[in-house]
Amino acid sequence: MKNKKTFLRELIWFFCGVIAGLCVSLILYDIIDVDLDLGVMAAGVIATMLAIYVVRLTLWVFKKAM
């Protein structure tokens, strides 16, 4: 049960990260006037998800250290 709960929580984080990545990418690309294509959108989503997981990992490490 615990593994299922953890899996669902991580899956929700993943999909929310993809949605947030798309939104942030669209806003930033509109501001700097970048032509949108699939590669550019994928790069924006990957960069946003990487940032989310780096922050989550950092907070987890600090939580374990306390």
C-alpha atoms as a PDB file:
ATOM      1  CA  MET A   1       0.000   0.000   0.000  1.00  0.00           C
ATOM      2  CA  LYS A   2       2.801   2.404   0.857  1.00  0.00           C
ATOM      3  CA  ASN A   3       4.567   1.770  -2.460  1.00  0.00           C
ATOM      4  CA  LYS A   4       1.334   2.403  -4.361  1.00  0.00           C
ATOM      5  CA  LYS A   5       0.792   5.652  -2.492  1.00  0.00           C
ATOM      6  CA  THR A   6       4.377   6.776  -3.155  1.00  0.00           C
ATOM      7  CA  PHE A   7       4.088   5.836  -6.826  1.00  0.00           C
ATOM      8  CA  LEU A   8       0.865   7.812  -7.249  1.00  0.00           C
ATOM      9  CA  ARG A   9       2.370  10.832  -5.491  1.00  0.00           C
ATOM     10  CA  GLU A  10       5.425  10.774  -7.769  1.00  0.00           C
ATOM     11  CA  LEU A  11       3.224  10.318 -10.828  1.00  0.00           C
ATOM     12  CA  ILE A  12       1.199  13.383  -9.837  1.00  0.00           C
ATOM     13  CA  TRP A  13       4.435  15.368  -9.348  1.00  0.00           C
ATOM     14  CA  PHE A  14       5.587  14.250 -12.798  1.00  0.00           C
ATOM     15  CA  PHE A  15       2.409  15.304 -14.614  1.00  0.00           C
ATOM     16  CA  CYS A  16       2.181  18.567 -12.689  1.00  0.00           C
ATOM     17  CA  GLY A  17       5.818  19.211 -13.638  1.00  0.00           C
ATOM     18  CA  VAL A  18       5.037  18.644 -17.309  1.00  0.00           C
ATOM     19  CA  ILE A  19       2.059  20.992 -17.159  1.00  0.00           C
ATOM     20  CA  ALA A  20       4.050  23.630 -15.253  1.00  0.00           C
ATOM     21  CA  GLY A  21       6.895  23.256 -17.748  1.00  0.00           C
ATOM     22  CA  LEU A  22       4.558  23.867 -20.657  1.00  0.00           C
ATOM     23  CA  CYS A  23       3.006  26.920 -19.018  1.00  0.00           C
ATOM     24  CA  VAL A  24       6.328  28.465 -17.985  1.00  0.00           C
ATOM     25  CA  SER A  25       7.850  27.726 -21.377  1.00  0.00           C
ATOM     26  CA  LEU A  26       4.963  29.299 -23.262  1.00  0.00           C
ATOM     27  CA  ILE A  27       5.085  32.427 -21.126  1.00  0.00           C
ATOM     28  CA  LEU A  28       8.860  32.836 -21.360  1.00  0.00           C
ATOM     29  CA  TYR A  29       8.998  32.022 -25.082  1.00  0.00           C
ATOM     30  CA  ASP A  30       6.299  34.608 -25.721  1.00  0.00           C
ATOM     31  CA  ILE A  31       8.256  37.253 -23.788  1.00  0.00           C
ATOM     32  CA  ILE A  32      11.519  36.646 -25.659  1.00  0.00           C
ATOM     33  CA  ASP A  33       9.722  36.005 -28.990  1.00  0.00           C
ATOM     34  CA  VAL A  34      11.028  32.512 -29.790  1.00  0.00           C
ATOM     35  CA  ASP A  35       9.564  30.446 -32.630  1.00  0.00           C
ATOM     36  CA  LEU A  36       7.887  27.413 -31.098  1.00  0.00           C
ATOM     37  CA  ASP A  37       8.463  23.882 -32.322  1.00  0.00           C
ATOM     38  CA  LEU A  38       8.466  20.495 -30.667  1.00  0.00           C
ATOM     39  CA  GLY A  39      12.169  20.511 -29.797  1.00  0.00           C
ATOM     40  CA  VAL A  40      12.028  23.909 -28.137  1.00  0.00           C
ATOM     41  CA  MET A  41       8.946  22.928 -26.133  1.00  0.00           C
ATOM     42  CA  ALA A  42      10.538  19.656 -25.044  1.00  0.00           C
ATOM     43  CA  ALA A  43      13.672  21.490 -23.919  1.00  0.00           C
ATOM     44  CA  GLY A  44      11.566  23.885 -21.842  1.00  0.00           C
ATOM     45  CA  VAL A  45       9.628  21.066 -20.191  1.00  0.00           C
ATOM     46  CA  ILE A  46      12.800  19.079 -19.457  1.00  0.00           C
ATOM     47  CA  ALA A  47      14.526  22.133 -17.963  1.00  0.00           C
ATOM     48  CA  THR A  48      11.524  22.895 -15.749  1.00  0.00           C
ATOM     49  CA  MET A  49      11.198  19.299 -14.561  1.00  0.00           C
ATOM     50  CA  LEU A  50      14.911  19.138 -13.841  1.00  0.00           C
ATOM     51  CA  ALA A  51      14.622  22.300 -11.742  1.00  0.00           C
ATOM     52  CA  ILE A  52      11.637  20.889  -9.836  1.00  0.00           C
ATOM     53  CA  TYR A  53      13.432  17.647  -8.996  1.00  0.00           C
ATOM     54  CA  VAL A  54      16.659  19.412  -8.025  1.00  0.00           C
ATOM     55  CA  VAL A  55      14.717  21.560  -5.558  1.00  0.00           C
ATOM     56  CA  ARG A  56      12.824  18.527  -4.220  1.00  0.00           C
ATOM     57  CA  LEU A  57      16.049  16.561  -3.804  1.00  0.00           C
ATOM     58  CA  THR A  58      17.754  19.468  -2.050  1.00  0.00           C
ATOM     59  CA  LEU A  59      14.856  19.869   0.365  1.00  0.00           C
ATOM     60  CA  TRP A  60      14.869  16.113   1.018  1.00  0.00           C
ATOM     61  CA  VAL A  61      18.596  16.164   1.816  1.00  0.00           C
ATOM     62  CA  PHE A  62      18.187  19.094   4.216  1.00  0.00           C
ATOM     63  CA  LYS A  63      15.219  17.369   5.846  1.00  0.00           C
ATOM     64  CA  LYS A  64      17.247  14.190   6.389  1.00  0.00           C
ATOM     65  CA  ALA A  65      20.197  16.197   7.766  1.00  0.00           C
ATOM     66  CA  MET A  66      18.082  17.950  10.400  1.00  0.00           C
END
